[in-house]
Protein backbone atom coordinates (compact mmCIF):
# COMPACT_ATOMS: atom_id res chain seq x y z
CA UNK A 1 -15.04 84.12 17.92
CA UNK A 2 -17.64 81.81 16.42
CA UNK A 3 -18.52 78.29 17.47
CA UNK A 4 -19.26 75.58 14.98
CA UNK A 5 -22.14 73.21 15.61
CA UNK A 6 -20.76 70.16 17.44
CA UNK A 7 -17.19 71.41 17.68
CA UNK A 8 -14.67 74.15 18.21
CA UNK A 9 -13.92 77.06 15.98
CA UNK A 10 -12.12 76.09 12.80
CA UNK A 11 -9.53 78.34 11.19
CA UNK A 12 -10.99 77.34 7.86
CA UNK A 13 -14.22 75.74 6.79
CA UNK A 14 -14.45 72.05 7.69
CA UNK A 15 -13.75 69.79 4.76
CA UNK A 16 -16.90 68.41 3.22
CA UNK A 17 -19.61 70.55 4.80
CA UNK A 18 -19.39 73.45 2.37
CA UNK A 19 -16.88 72.13 -0.12
CA UNK A 20 -18.70 70.20 -2.85
CA UNK A 21 -15.40 68.91 -4.26
CA UNK A 22 -14.66 67.09 -1.00
CA UNK A 23 -17.71 64.81 -1.28
CA UNK A 24 -17.94 61.57 -3.18
CA UNK A 25 -20.64 61.21 -5.81
CA UNK A 26 -22.57 59.06 -3.28
CA UNK A 27 -22.24 60.85 0.05
CA UNK A 28 -22.63 58.56 3.04
CA UNK A 29 -21.33 55.45 1.29
CA UNK A 30 -18.01 53.94 2.26
CA UNK A 31 -15.75 51.55 0.44
CA UNK A 32 -15.61 48.01 1.83
CA UNK A 33 -12.25 48.82 3.42
CA UNK A 34 -13.53 52.04 5.05
CA UNK A 35 -16.64 50.25 6.32
CA UNK A 36 -14.59 47.41 7.85
CA UNK A 37 -12.25 49.90 9.55
CA UNK A 38 -15.16 51.95 10.88
CA UNK A 39 -17.03 48.86 12.14
CA UNK A 40 -13.94 47.98 14.17
CA UNK A 41 -13.86 51.38 15.88
CA UNK A 42 -17.37 52.75 16.45
CA UNK A 43 -20.93 51.43 16.75
CA UNK A 44 -22.90 51.57 13.50
CA UNK A 45 -26.45 52.99 13.41
CA UNK A 46 -29.14 50.93 11.71
CA UNK A 47 -32.89 51.04 11.22
CA UNK A 48 -34.97 47.87 11.25
CA UNK A 49 -38.62 47.63 10.31
CA UNK A 50 -41.27 44.99 10.76
CA UNK A 51 -43.72 45.36 7.87
CA UNK A 52 -47.31 44.65 8.91
CA UNK A 53 -50.80 44.66 7.44
CA UNK A 54 -53.51 46.18 9.62
CA UNK A 55 -57.32 46.08 9.58
CA UNK A 56 -59.60 49.15 9.55
CA UNK A 57 -59.28 49.44 13.34
CA UNK A 58 -55.47 49.44 13.22
CA UNK A 59 -55.01 45.92 14.59
CA UNK A 60 -52.12 43.92 13.09
CA UNK A 61 -53.50 41.08 10.97
CA UNK A 62 -50.29 39.85 9.36
CA UNK A 63 -46.54 40.26 9.65
CA UNK A 64 -44.07 40.30 6.76
CA UNK A 65 -40.86 38.32 7.26
CA UNK A 66 -38.17 38.43 4.59
CA UNK A 67 -36.25 35.40 3.42
CA UNK A 68 -32.68 36.22 2.44
CA UNK A 69 -29.17 34.88 2.32
CA UNK A 70 -27.39 35.64 5.59
CA UNK A 71 -24.31 37.84 5.25
CA UNK A 72 -22.89 36.37 8.46
CA UNK A 73 -23.53 32.62 8.13
CA UNK A 74 -24.13 32.10 4.41
CA UNK A 75 -27.38 30.24 5.08
CA UNK A 76 -30.92 31.23 4.14
CA UNK A 77 -32.60 33.02 7.06
CA UNK A 78 -35.67 35.07 7.96
CA UNK A 79 -35.14 38.74 8.59
CA UNK A 80 -36.70 42.12 9.16
CA UNK A 81 -36.20 45.04 6.81
CA UNK A 82 -32.87 46.52 7.84
CA UNK A 83 -30.06 48.78 6.76
CA UNK A 84 -27.53 51.39 7.84
CA UNK A 85 -28.34 55.03 8.39
CA UNK A 86 -26.03 56.97 6.11
CA UNK A 87 -24.02 60.01 7.16
CA UNK A 88 -26.26 63.07 6.93
CA UNK A 89 -29.41 61.01 6.38
CA UNK A 90 -32.52 61.67 8.46
CA UNK A 91 -34.11 58.65 10.16
CA UNK A 92 -37.32 58.99 8.14
CA UNK A 93 -35.32 58.94 4.91
CA UNK A 94 -33.21 55.97 6.05
CA UNK A 95 -36.34 54.04 6.98
CA UNK A 96 -38.05 54.77 3.65
CA UNK A 97 -34.89 53.97 1.65
CA UNK A 98 -34.45 50.60 3.35
CA UNK A 99 -38.17 49.74 3.11
CA UNK A 100 -38.08 50.42 -0.64
CA UNK A 101 -34.75 48.58 -1.00
CA UNK A 102 -36.15 45.42 0.61
CA UNK A 103 -39.88 45.55 -0.25
CA UNK A 104 -39.91 47.33 -3.60
CA UNK A 105 -41.29 50.70 -4.70
CA UNK A 106 -44.97 49.71 -4.53
CA UNK A 107 -45.07 48.61 -0.86
CA UNK A 108 -46.42 52.03 0.17
CA UNK A 109 -45.29 52.12 3.81
CA UNK A 110 -47.26 54.35 6.16
CA UNK A 111 -44.93 56.25 8.49
CA UNK A 112 -46.26 58.31 11.38
CA UNK A 113 -45.62 62.04 11.53
CA UNK A 114 -43.22 61.61 14.46
CA UNK A 115 -40.61 58.93 13.92
CA UNK A 116 -40.15 57.19 17.28
CA UNK A 117 -38.75 53.67 17.44
CA UNK A 118 -40.82 50.90 19.03
CA UNK A 119 -37.59 49.29 20.27
CA UNK A 120 -33.85 49.79 20.37
CA UNK A 121 -31.54 46.81 19.90
CA UNK A 122 -27.81 46.83 20.60
CA UNK A 123 -25.85 44.18 18.69
CA UNK A 124 -22.36 43.08 19.74
CA UNK A 125 -19.72 41.14 17.77
CA UNK A 126 -19.33 38.63 20.60
CA UNK A 127 -22.18 36.28 21.59
CA UNK A 128 -23.29 37.90 24.84
CA UNK A 129 -26.65 39.43 25.56
CA UNK A 130 -29.76 39.14 23.42
CA UNK A 131 -28.49 40.54 20.12
CA UNK A 132 -25.45 39.38 18.13
CA UNK A 133 -23.81 40.52 14.88
CA UNK A 134 -20.33 39.05 14.36
CA UNK A 135 -19.38 41.90 12.00
CA UNK A 136 -19.78 44.83 14.37
CA UNK A 137 -21.12 46.67 17.36
CA UNK A 138 -24.36 48.23 16.13
CA UNK A 139 -27.34 50.09 17.52
CA UNK A 140 -30.61 49.53 15.71
CA UNK A 141 -33.74 51.64 15.96
CA UNK A 142 -36.63 49.27 15.27
CA UNK A 143 -40.05 50.27 13.93
CA UNK A 144 -43.37 48.60 13.14
CA UNK A 145 -44.50 49.90 9.76
CA UNK A 146 -47.87 49.24 8.13
CA UNK A 147 -47.64 48.73 4.37
CA UNK A 148 -50.63 49.14 2.08
CA UNK A 149 -49.26 48.18 -1.33
CA UNK A 150 -47.77 45.17 -3.04
CA UNK A 151 -44.40 43.98 -1.77
CA UNK A 152 -41.89 42.68 -4.30
CA UNK A 153 -38.61 41.93 -2.49
CA UNK A 154 -35.48 43.31 -4.10
CA UNK A 155 -31.73 43.33 -3.58
CA UNK A 156 -30.74 40.34 -1.42
CA UNK A 157 -34.29 39.60 -0.20
CA UNK A 158 -35.62 36.47 -1.91
CA UNK A 159 -39.26 36.61 -0.78
CA UNK A 160 -41.59 37.95 1.86
CA UNK A 161 -43.91 35.66 3.80
CA UNK A 162 -47.07 37.11 5.34
CA UNK A 163 -48.02 35.24 8.50
CA UNK A 164 -50.20 35.91 11.52
CA UNK A 165 -48.51 37.47 14.57
CA UNK A 166 -48.89 34.14 16.38
CA UNK A 167 -47.19 32.25 13.55
CA UNK A 168 -44.40 34.84 13.41
CA UNK A 169 -43.41 34.16 17.02
CA UNK A 170 -43.77 30.37 16.71
CA UNK A 171 -40.74 28.16 17.26
CA UNK A 172 -40.42 27.41 13.53
CA UNK A 173 -40.02 31.05 12.52
CA UNK A 174 -38.00 31.94 15.64
CA UNK A 175 -35.33 29.39 14.63
CA UNK A 176 -35.01 31.05 11.22
CA UNK A 177 -34.30 34.53 12.65
CA UNK A 178 -30.62 35.29 13.37
CA UNK A 179 -28.81 37.41 15.90
CA UNK A 180 -31.58 37.61 18.47
CA UNK A 181 -34.15 39.00 16.06
CA UNK A 182 -36.76 36.52 17.34
CA UNK A 183 -36.61 38.42 20.63
CA UNK A 184 -36.82 41.75 18.80
CA UNK A 185 -39.81 40.50 16.77
CA UNK A 186 -41.67 39.57 19.98
CA UNK A 187 -40.84 42.95 21.48
CA UNK A 188 -42.17 44.79 18.41
CA UNK A 189 -45.39 42.76 18.27
CA UNK A 190 -45.93 43.25 21.97
CA UNK A 191 -45.43 47.00 21.51
CA UNK A 192 -48.35 47.17 19.07
CA UNK A 193 -50.54 44.80 21.11
CA UNK A 194 -50.45 42.03 18.51
CA UNK A 195 -49.38 39.31 20.99
């Protein structure tokens, strides 16, 4: 008797793992209907990243905040780099994919050898606690990521503003961050000793 990783013995091979015909052309992506159904049943896993510029000593000199249209309120809001982790995708790959998606291919993020989040945020669809996302229950692994190249926002990101850490946590910027991300931003900057 053999045991499968993460489950019981199967009489036949599990669909999808070794059957190339069972996979979509874009594995990990769901239709809008599948995503909505899944969001209603299980927490979604996300990565979020705060892009920063650092000096030669590693101190944070500026923070990159995206400006984008909010998917939840329809208004223009500030945001961190963020996106779902796809099925079968390693965290490093998810982080790099979402950094490139939001900042462009010439941002040149510098990821450490060991990927360890600086913070973990748990978003709920009801407005309780620090973090709120009306679409879903989600867990987000948040990182501070130095970037060395030129950032050219893509997809739904309209622009990136580079501000000092002190400006980033000011009341003006805090009001523009949705879902409790002002609190997450402070936590991330505190983690790297920038505030």
